[in-house]
């Protein structure tokens, strides 16, 4: 008795898919951070160049944009830039970012409208910029879908 036919073997290239997912998640995280930055800086007043400058490092890591408008005279933008730190991790399976702001009035104005000695404070405080950034980031992440799995078939002749 002789049996002839064709068998189709399915193959999944896990290494290739891992690279695709890694590239996708890295690009998506960078885009998500840029969206986060837009939401955050939308709440931090332009007059507070020191506070906005604290976001420069994370912005530079993802080719983002932070608008700064230095005041005439002594600018505190360099001081603010030195008081902000960012870190982006894009190494399978960890994709994350961290931001640390050590600008005192930024930290205070996030949750409180503090009055200074003249009785004036930030009219837009509390800023809640990190809350706005988190919300924007979460909304963006909900729209993401991983790349589809590619399965290749190979015909094998059986005789």
N, C-alpha and C. Protein backbone atom coordinates (compact mmCIF):
# COMPACT_ATOMS: atom_id res chain seq x y z
N UNK A 1 0.85 -1.17 0.00
CA UNK A 1 0.00 0.00 0.00
C UNK A 1 0.90 1.24 0.00
N UNK A 2 0.65 2.16 -0.94
CA UNK A 2 1.43 3.37 -1.06
C UNK A 2 0.53 4.58 -0.76
N UNK A 3 1.01 5.44 0.13
CA UNK A 3 0.25 6.64 0.50
C UNK A 3 0.99 7.85 -0.07
N UNK A 4 0.29 8.67 -0.78
CA UNK A 4 0.88 9.91 -1.27
C UNK A 4 -0.02 11.07 -0.84
N UNK A 5 0.57 12.21 -0.72
CA UNK A 5 -0.21 13.37 -0.32
C UNK A 5 0.68 14.54 0.00
N UNK A 6 0.09 15.56 0.54
CA UNK A 6 0.81 16.77 0.88
C UNK A 6 0.39 17.19 2.29
N UNK A 7 1.38 17.56 3.06
CA UNK A 7 1.13 18.01 4.43
C UNK A 7 1.60 19.45 4.52
N UNK A 8 0.78 20.28 5.10
CA UNK A 8 1.16 21.68 5.24
C UNK A 8 1.59 21.91 6.68
N UNK A 9 2.85 22.24 6.86
CA UNK A 9 3.40 22.49 8.19
C UNK A 9 3.35 24.00 8.46
N UNK A 10 2.86 24.38 9.62
CA UNK A 10 2.79 25.79 9.99
C UNK A 10 3.98 26.15 10.86
N UNK A 11 4.49 27.36 10.65
CA UNK A 11 5.68 27.78 11.36
C UNK A 11 5.50 29.20 11.90
N UNK A 12 5.93 29.38 13.11
CA UNK A 12 5.86 30.69 13.76
C UNK A 12 7.28 31.06 14.17
N UNK A 13 7.77 32.18 13.64
CA UNK A 13 9.12 32.63 13.93
C UNK A 13 9.08 33.56 15.15
N UNK A 14 9.27 32.98 16.32
CA UNK A 14 9.17 33.73 17.58
C UNK A 14 10.22 34.83 17.67
N UNK A 15 11.43 34.57 17.23
CA UNK A 15 12.50 35.57 17.30
C UNK A 15 12.14 36.80 16.46
N UNK A 16 11.63 36.57 15.26
CA UNK A 16 11.25 37.69 14.39
C UNK A 16 10.08 38.48 15.01
N UNK A 17 9.10 37.76 15.57
CA UNK A 17 7.96 38.44 16.17
C UNK A 17 8.39 39.25 17.39
N UNK A 18 9.32 38.71 18.16
CA UNK A 18 9.83 39.45 19.32
C UNK A 18 10.45 40.77 18.89
N UNK A 19 11.20 40.77 17.79
CA UNK A 19 11.81 42.00 17.27
C UNK A 19 10.72 42.97 16.83
N UNK A 20 9.68 42.47 16.14
CA UNK A 20 8.57 43.32 15.71
C UNK A 20 7.87 43.96 16.91
N UNK A 21 7.60 43.16 17.92
CA UNK A 21 6.93 43.66 19.12
C UNK A 21 7.81 44.67 19.84
N UNK A 22 9.10 44.38 19.93
CA UNK A 22 10.03 45.30 20.59
C UNK A 22 10.04 46.65 19.87
N UNK A 23 10.16 46.63 18.55
CA UNK A 23 10.16 47.87 17.77
C UNK A 23 8.84 48.62 17.94
N UNK A 24 7.74 47.90 17.90
CA UNK A 24 6.42 48.51 18.05
C UNK A 24 6.26 49.15 19.43
N UNK A 25 6.62 48.42 20.48
CA UNK A 25 6.46 48.95 21.84
C UNK A 25 7.40 50.12 22.11
N UNK A 26 8.61 50.07 21.58
CA UNK A 26 9.54 51.19 21.75
C UNK A 26 8.99 52.44 21.08
N UNK A 27 8.56 52.32 19.83
CA UNK A 27 8.00 53.47 19.11
C UNK A 27 6.73 53.97 19.80
N UNK A 28 5.91 53.06 20.27
CA UNK A 28 4.66 53.44 20.94
C UNK A 28 4.94 54.14 22.27
N UNK A 29 5.93 53.67 23.01
CA UNK A 29 6.27 54.32 24.27
C UNK A 29 6.76 55.74 24.01
N UNK A 30 7.63 55.91 23.03
CA UNK A 30 8.14 57.25 22.72
C UNK A 30 6.99 58.18 22.32
N UNK A 31 6.07 57.68 21.50
CA UNK A 31 4.92 58.50 21.10
C UNK A 31 4.06 58.81 22.33
N UNK A 32 3.86 57.83 23.19
CA UNK A 32 3.09 58.04 24.41
C UNK A 32 3.71 59.08 25.33
N UNK A 33 5.02 59.09 25.41
CA UNK A 33 5.71 60.09 26.24
C UNK A 33 5.53 61.48 25.64
N UNK A 34 5.60 61.58 24.31
CA UNK A 34 5.38 62.88 23.67
C UNK A 34 3.96 63.38 23.94
N UNK A 35 2.98 62.48 23.91
CA UNK A 35 1.60 62.83 24.24
C UNK A 35 1.50 63.25 25.70
N UNK A 36 2.18 62.52 26.57
CA UNK A 36 2.22 62.85 28.00
C UNK A 36 2.80 64.26 28.19
N UNK A 37 3.90 64.54 27.51
CA UNK A 37 4.54 65.87 27.62
C UNK A 37 3.60 66.99 27.19
N UNK A 38 2.88 66.78 26.11
CA UNK A 38 1.94 67.79 25.62
C UNK A 38 0.87 68.08 26.68
N UNK A 39 0.34 67.02 27.28
CA UNK A 39 -0.69 67.20 28.31
C UNK A 39 -0.12 67.88 29.55
N UNK A 40 1.07 67.48 29.95
CA UNK A 40 1.70 68.06 31.14
C UNK A 40 2.02 69.53 30.92
N UNK A 41 2.69 69.85 29.82
CA UNK A 41 3.07 71.24 29.60
C UNK A 41 1.88 72.13 29.30
N UNK A 42 0.77 71.53 28.92
CA UNK A 42 -0.45 72.30 28.73
C UNK A 42 -1.00 72.85 30.04
N UNK A 43 -0.57 72.27 31.15
CA UNK A 43 -1.03 72.72 32.47
C UNK A 43 -0.01 73.58 33.21
N UNK A 44 1.26 73.48 32.82
CA UNK A 44 2.32 74.27 33.49
C UNK A 44 2.42 75.61 32.76
N UNK A 45 2.22 76.72 33.46
CA UNK A 45 2.22 78.03 32.79
C UNK A 45 3.53 78.32 32.07
N UNK A 46 3.41 78.99 30.93
CA UNK A 46 4.58 79.34 30.13
C UNK A 46 5.53 80.24 30.91
N UNK A 47 4.99 81.07 31.82
CA UNK A 47 5.86 81.97 32.59
C UNK A 47 6.78 81.21 33.53
N UNK A 48 6.46 79.94 33.80
CA UNK A 48 7.32 79.17 34.70
C UNK A 48 8.32 78.35 33.89
N UNK A 49 9.27 79.06 33.30
CA UNK A 49 10.29 78.39 32.50
C UNK A 49 11.11 77.41 33.31
N UNK A 50 11.30 77.70 34.59
CA UNK A 50 12.07 76.80 35.44
C UNK A 50 11.34 75.46 35.58
N UNK A 51 10.01 75.52 35.79
CA UNK A 51 9.23 74.28 35.93
C UNK A 51 9.21 73.51 34.61
N UNK A 52 8.96 74.20 33.52
CA UNK A 52 8.92 73.53 32.22
C UNK A 52 10.29 72.93 31.86
N UNK A 53 11.35 73.64 32.21
CA UNK A 53 12.70 73.17 31.89
C UNK A 53 13.02 71.86 32.62
N UNK A 54 12.36 71.60 33.72
CA UNK A 54 12.58 70.34 34.44
C UNK A 54 12.14 69.14 33.62
N UNK A 55 11.39 69.37 32.55
CA UNK A 55 10.92 68.29 31.69
C UNK A 55 11.78 68.11 30.44
N UNK A 56 12.83 68.90 30.32
CA UNK A 56 13.67 68.86 29.11
C UNK A 56 14.37 67.52 28.91
N UNK A 57 14.88 66.93 29.97
CA UNK A 57 15.63 65.68 29.79
C UNK A 57 14.75 64.57 29.23
N UNK A 58 13.55 64.39 29.77
CA UNK A 58 12.67 63.34 29.25
C UNK A 58 12.26 63.68 27.82
N UNK A 59 12.07 64.96 27.54
CA UNK A 59 11.70 65.39 26.19
C UNK A 59 12.80 65.06 25.19
N UNK A 60 14.04 65.31 25.55
CA UNK A 60 15.16 65.04 24.66
C UNK A 60 15.33 63.54 24.39
N UNK A 61 14.98 62.71 25.36
CA UNK A 61 15.13 61.26 25.20
C UNK A 61 14.19 60.70 24.14
N UNK A 62 13.07 61.38 23.88
CA UNK A 62 12.08 60.87 22.93
C UNK A 62 11.85 61.84 21.78
N UNK A 63 12.77 62.78 21.60
CA UNK A 63 12.66 63.78 20.54
C UNK A 63 11.34 64.54 20.66
N UNK A 64 11.02 64.93 21.89
CA UNK A 64 9.79 65.66 22.16
C UNK A 64 10.01 67.15 22.08
N UNK A 65 9.02 67.90 22.55
CA UNK A 65 9.08 69.35 22.45
C UNK A 65 8.53 69.96 23.74
N UNK A 66 9.32 70.85 24.33
CA UNK A 66 8.88 71.63 25.48
C UNK A 66 9.13 73.09 25.12
N UNK A 67 8.06 73.87 25.08
CA UNK A 67 8.19 75.29 24.74
C UNK A 67 8.64 76.06 25.98
N UNK A 68 9.72 76.84 25.81
CA UNK A 68 10.25 77.66 26.90
C UNK A 68 10.27 79.11 26.45
N UNK A 69 9.96 79.99 27.36
CA UNK A 69 9.98 81.41 27.07
C UNK A 69 10.68 82.13 28.21
N UNK A 70 12.01 82.29 28.10
CA UNK A 70 12.75 82.90 29.20
C UNK A 70 12.33 84.36 29.43
N UNK A 71 12.26 84.73 30.68
CA UNK A 71 11.96 86.11 31.04
C UNK A 71 13.14 86.99 30.71
N UNK A 72 12.87 88.27 30.54
CA UNK A 72 13.96 89.22 30.32
C UNK A 72 14.83 89.25 31.56
N UNK A 73 16.10 89.34 31.37
CA UNK A 73 17.01 89.40 32.51
C UNK A 73 17.50 88.02 32.89
N UNK A 74 17.40 87.69 34.14
CA UNK A 74 17.96 86.43 34.65
C UNK A 74 16.98 85.27 34.43
N UNK A 75 17.37 84.37 33.55
CA UNK A 75 16.55 83.19 33.26
C UNK A 75 16.89 82.07 34.24
N UNK A 76 15.85 81.39 34.71
CA UNK A 76 16.07 80.25 35.61
C UNK A 76 15.87 78.92 34.87
N UNK A 77 15.85 78.98 33.55
CA UNK A 77 15.69 77.77 32.75
C UNK A 77 16.84 76.79 32.98
N UNK A 78 18.11 77.23 32.97
CA UNK A 78 19.20 76.27 33.24
C UNK A 78 19.07 75.61 34.62
N UNK A 79 18.65 76.38 35.59
CA UNK A 79 18.48 75.83 36.94
C UNK A 79 17.37 74.77 36.93
N UNK A 80 16.27 75.07 36.25
CA UNK A 80 15.17 74.10 36.16
C UNK A 80 15.57 72.84 35.44
N UNK A 81 16.36 72.99 34.36
CA UNK A 81 16.81 71.82 33.60
C UNK A 81 17.66 70.89 34.46
N UNK A 82 18.42 71.47 35.38
CA UNK A 82 19.26 70.64 36.24
C UNK A 82 18.45 69.96 37.35
N UNK A 83 17.21 70.40 37.54
CA UNK A 83 16.37 69.85 38.61
C UNK A 83 15.29 68.90 38.08
N UNK A 84 15.44 68.47 36.85
CA UNK A 84 14.52 67.51 36.27
C UNK A 84 15.28 66.34 35.69
N UNK A 85 14.78 65.15 35.91
CA UNK A 85 15.46 63.94 35.43
C UNK A 85 14.46 63.02 34.78
N UNK A 86 14.89 62.38 33.72
CA UNK A 86 14.03 61.44 33.02
C UNK A 86 14.79 60.19 32.66
N UNK A 87 14.04 59.10 32.57
CA UNK A 87 14.63 57.82 32.21
C UNK A 87 13.60 57.05 31.39
N UNK A 88 14.05 56.48 30.27
CA UNK A 88 13.19 55.67 29.42
C UNK A 88 13.80 54.27 29.34
N UNK A 89 13.00 53.26 29.59
CA UNK A 89 13.45 51.87 29.50
C UNK A 89 12.70 51.20 28.37
N UNK A 90 13.46 50.73 27.37
CA UNK A 90 12.85 50.01 26.24
C UNK A 90 13.67 48.76 25.98
N UNK A 91 13.51 47.83 26.85
CA UNK A 91 14.24 46.57 26.73
C UNK A 91 13.25 45.44 27.02
N UNK A 92 13.00 44.62 26.01
CA UNK A 92 12.02 43.55 26.13
C UNK A 92 12.26 42.75 27.40
N UNK A 93 11.31 42.57 28.26
CA UNK A 93 9.89 42.90 28.18
C UNK A 93 9.49 44.15 28.98
N UNK A 94 10.43 45.03 29.29
CA UNK A 94 10.13 46.20 30.12
C UNK A 94 10.14 47.48 29.28
N UNK A 95 9.03 48.20 29.30
CA UNK A 95 8.88 49.46 28.58
C UNK A 95 8.26 50.46 29.55
N UNK A 96 9.06 51.43 29.95
CA UNK A 96 8.56 52.37 30.96
C UNK A 96 9.32 53.69 30.87
N UNK A 97 8.77 54.69 31.56
CA UNK A 97 9.50 55.95 31.69
C UNK A 97 9.27 56.50 33.08
N UNK A 98 10.28 57.21 33.54
CA UNK A 98 10.24 57.84 34.86
C UNK A 98 10.61 59.30 34.71
N UNK A 99 9.94 60.14 35.48
CA UNK A 99 10.23 61.56 35.49
C UNK A 99 10.32 62.00 36.94
N UNK A 100 11.37 62.74 37.24
CA UNK A 100 11.55 63.28 38.58
C UNK A 100 11.75 64.78 38.46
N UNK A 101 10.90 65.53 39.14
CA UNK A 101 10.97 66.99 39.12
C UNK A 101 11.30 67.46 40.52
N UNK A 102 12.37 68.24 40.64
CA UNK A 102 12.78 68.74 41.95
C UNK A 102 12.69 70.27 42.03
N UNK A 103 11.91 70.87 41.14
CA UNK A 103 11.66 72.31 41.20
C UNK A 103 10.59 72.52 42.26
N UNK A 104 10.98 73.19 43.33
CA UNK A 104 10.12 73.29 44.51
C UNK A 104 8.74 73.85 44.19
N UNK A 105 8.68 74.97 43.46
CA UNK A 105 7.36 75.55 43.21
C UNK A 105 6.52 74.69 42.27
N UNK A 106 7.16 73.90 41.40
CA UNK A 106 6.41 72.96 40.56
C UNK A 106 5.75 71.91 41.43
N UNK A 107 6.52 71.33 42.31
CA UNK A 107 6.00 70.28 43.20
C UNK A 107 4.85 70.81 44.05
N UNK A 108 5.00 72.02 44.58
CA UNK A 108 3.96 72.60 45.43
C UNK A 108 2.72 72.96 44.61
N UNK A 109 2.93 73.60 43.46
CA UNK A 109 1.79 74.06 42.65
C UNK A 109 1.03 72.91 42.00
N UNK A 110 1.60 71.73 41.96
CA UNK A 110 0.89 70.58 41.41
C UNK A 110 -0.43 70.33 42.15
N UNK A 111 -0.41 70.48 43.46
CA UNK A 111 -1.58 70.15 44.27
C UNK A 111 -2.18 71.31 45.04
N UNK A 112 -1.49 72.44 45.08
CA UNK A 112 -1.91 73.54 45.94
C UNK A 112 -1.72 74.87 45.22
N UNK A 113 -2.54 75.84 45.56
CA UNK A 113 -2.34 77.20 45.05
C UNK A 113 -1.71 77.99 46.19
N UNK A 114 -0.40 78.07 46.17
CA UNK A 114 0.34 78.71 47.25
C UNK A 114 0.47 80.20 46.97
N UNK A 115 0.19 81.00 47.97
CA UNK A 115 0.34 82.46 47.86
C UNK A 115 1.73 82.84 48.34
N UNK A 116 2.37 83.75 47.61
CA UNK A 116 3.68 84.21 48.07
C UNK A 116 3.52 85.39 49.03
N UNK A 117 4.60 86.02 49.37
CA UNK A 117 4.57 87.11 50.37
C UNK A 117 3.69 88.28 49.93
N UNK A 118 3.54 88.47 48.64
CA UNK A 118 2.71 89.58 48.16
C UNK A 118 1.24 89.18 48.10
N UNK A 119 0.95 87.93 48.44
CA UNK A 119 -0.43 87.46 48.39
C UNK A 119 -0.85 86.93 47.04
N UNK A 120 0.11 86.90 46.10
CA UNK A 120 -0.20 86.39 44.77
C UNK A 120 0.29 84.95 44.64
N UNK A 121 -0.41 84.20 43.88
CA UNK A 121 0.00 82.84 43.57
C UNK A 121 -0.26 82.58 42.10
N UNK A 122 -0.14 81.37 41.69
CA UNK A 122 -0.41 81.02 40.31
C UNK A 122 -1.92 80.95 40.12
N UNK A 123 -2.48 81.76 39.22
CA UNK A 123 -3.93 81.72 39.02
C UNK A 123 -4.40 80.39 38.42
N UNK A 124 -3.48 79.63 37.85
CA UNK A 124 -3.86 78.34 37.25
C UNK A 124 -3.63 77.17 38.19
N UNK A 125 -3.12 77.44 39.39
CA UNK A 125 -2.86 76.35 40.34
C UNK A 125 -4.16 75.95 41.03
N UNK A 126 -4.28 74.72 41.47
CA UNK A 126 -3.27 73.67 41.31
C UNK A 126 -3.19 73.20 39.86
N UNK A 127 -1.95 72.93 39.41
CA UNK A 127 -1.73 72.58 38.02
C UNK A 127 -2.23 71.18 37.68
N UNK A 128 -1.94 70.24 38.54
CA UNK A 128 -2.30 68.83 38.30
C UNK A 128 -1.83 68.36 36.91
N UNK A 129 -0.64 68.79 36.55
CA UNK A 129 -0.10 68.47 35.24
C UNK A 129 0.22 66.98 35.09
N UNK A 130 0.74 66.37 36.15
CA UNK A 130 1.07 64.95 36.05
C UNK A 130 -0.20 64.11 35.94
N UNK A 131 -1.28 64.55 36.59
CA UNK A 131 -2.56 63.85 36.44
C UNK A 131 -3.05 63.93 35.00
N UNK A 132 -2.94 65.13 34.40
CA UNK A 132 -3.36 65.31 33.01
C UNK A 132 -2.50 64.46 32.07
N UNK A 133 -1.20 64.41 32.35
CA UNK A 133 -0.31 63.59 31.54
C UNK A 133 -0.63 62.12 31.64
N UNK A 134 -0.90 61.66 32.86
CA UNK A 134 -1.25 60.25 33.05
C UNK A 134 -2.53 59.89 32.31
N UNK A 135 -3.52 60.76 32.39
CA UNK A 135 -4.79 60.50 31.69
C UNK A 135 -4.58 60.42 30.18
N UNK A 136 -3.83 61.36 29.62
CA UNK A 136 -3.56 61.37 28.18
C UNK A 136 -2.78 60.12 27.76
N UNK A 137 -1.80 59.72 28.58
CA UNK A 137 -1.00 58.53 28.27
C UNK A 137 -1.88 57.28 28.29
N UNK A 138 -2.72 57.16 29.31
CA UNK A 138 -3.62 55.99 29.41
C UNK A 138 -4.58 55.92 28.22
N UNK A 139 -5.12 57.07 27.81
CA UNK A 139 -6.03 57.08 26.66
C UNK A 139 -5.30 56.62 25.40
N UNK A 140 -4.07 57.05 25.22
CA UNK A 140 -3.28 56.65 24.07
C UNK A 140 -3.01 55.14 24.11
N UNK A 141 -2.59 54.64 25.25
CA UNK A 141 -2.24 53.22 25.37
C UNK A 141 -3.45 52.33 25.07
N UNK A 142 -4.64 52.77 25.44
CA UNK A 142 -5.85 51.97 25.17
C UNK A 142 -6.09 51.78 23.67
N UNK A 143 -5.50 52.63 22.83
CA UNK A 143 -5.72 52.51 21.38
C UNK A 143 -4.71 51.57 20.72
N UNK A 144 -3.70 51.14 21.44
CA UNK A 144 -2.64 50.32 20.84
C UNK A 144 -3.07 48.88 20.63
N UNK A 145 -2.60 48.31 19.56
CA UNK A 145 -2.80 46.89 19.25
C UNK A 145 -1.48 46.32 18.79
N UNK A 146 -1.09 45.20 19.34
CA UNK A 146 0.18 44.56 18.95
C UNK A 146 0.12 44.15 17.48
N UNK A 147 1.29 44.07 16.83
CA UNK A 147 1.31 43.62 15.44
C UNK A 147 0.73 42.21 15.33
N UNK A 148 0.08 41.90 14.22
CA UNK A 148 -0.50 40.56 14.07
C UNK A 148 0.59 39.49 13.98
N UNK A 149 0.26 38.32 14.44
CA UNK A 149 1.18 37.18 14.37
C UNK A 149 1.20 36.67 12.94
N UNK A 150 2.39 36.49 12.40
CA UNK A 150 2.55 35.97 11.04
C UNK A 150 2.89 34.49 11.10
N UNK A 151 2.04 33.68 10.52
CA UNK A 151 2.28 32.23 10.48
C UNK A 151 2.52 31.86 9.02
N UNK A 152 3.61 31.17 8.80
CA UNK A 152 3.96 30.76 7.44
C UNK A 152 3.76 29.26 7.29
N UNK A 153 3.23 28.87 6.15
CA UNK A 153 3.02 27.45 5.90
C UNK A 153 4.00 26.94 4.87
N UNK A 154 4.45 25.70 5.09
CA UNK A 154 5.35 25.06 4.13
C UNK A 154 4.72 23.72 3.73
N UNK A 155 4.66 23.52 2.43
CA UNK A 155 4.10 22.27 1.93
C UNK A 155 5.18 21.20 1.96
N UNK A 156 4.85 20.05 2.50
CA UNK A 156 5.77 18.92 2.57
C UNK A 156 5.13 17.75 1.81
N UNK A 157 5.84 17.20 0.83
CA UNK A 157 5.34 16.08 0.02
C UNK A 157 5.55 14.78 0.74
N UNK A 158 4.51 13.99 0.86
CA UNK A 158 4.60 12.66 1.49
C UNK A 158 4.34 11.61 0.42
N UNK A 159 5.22 10.66 0.36
CA UNK A 159 5.01 9.57 -0.61
C UNK A 159 5.01 8.24 0.09
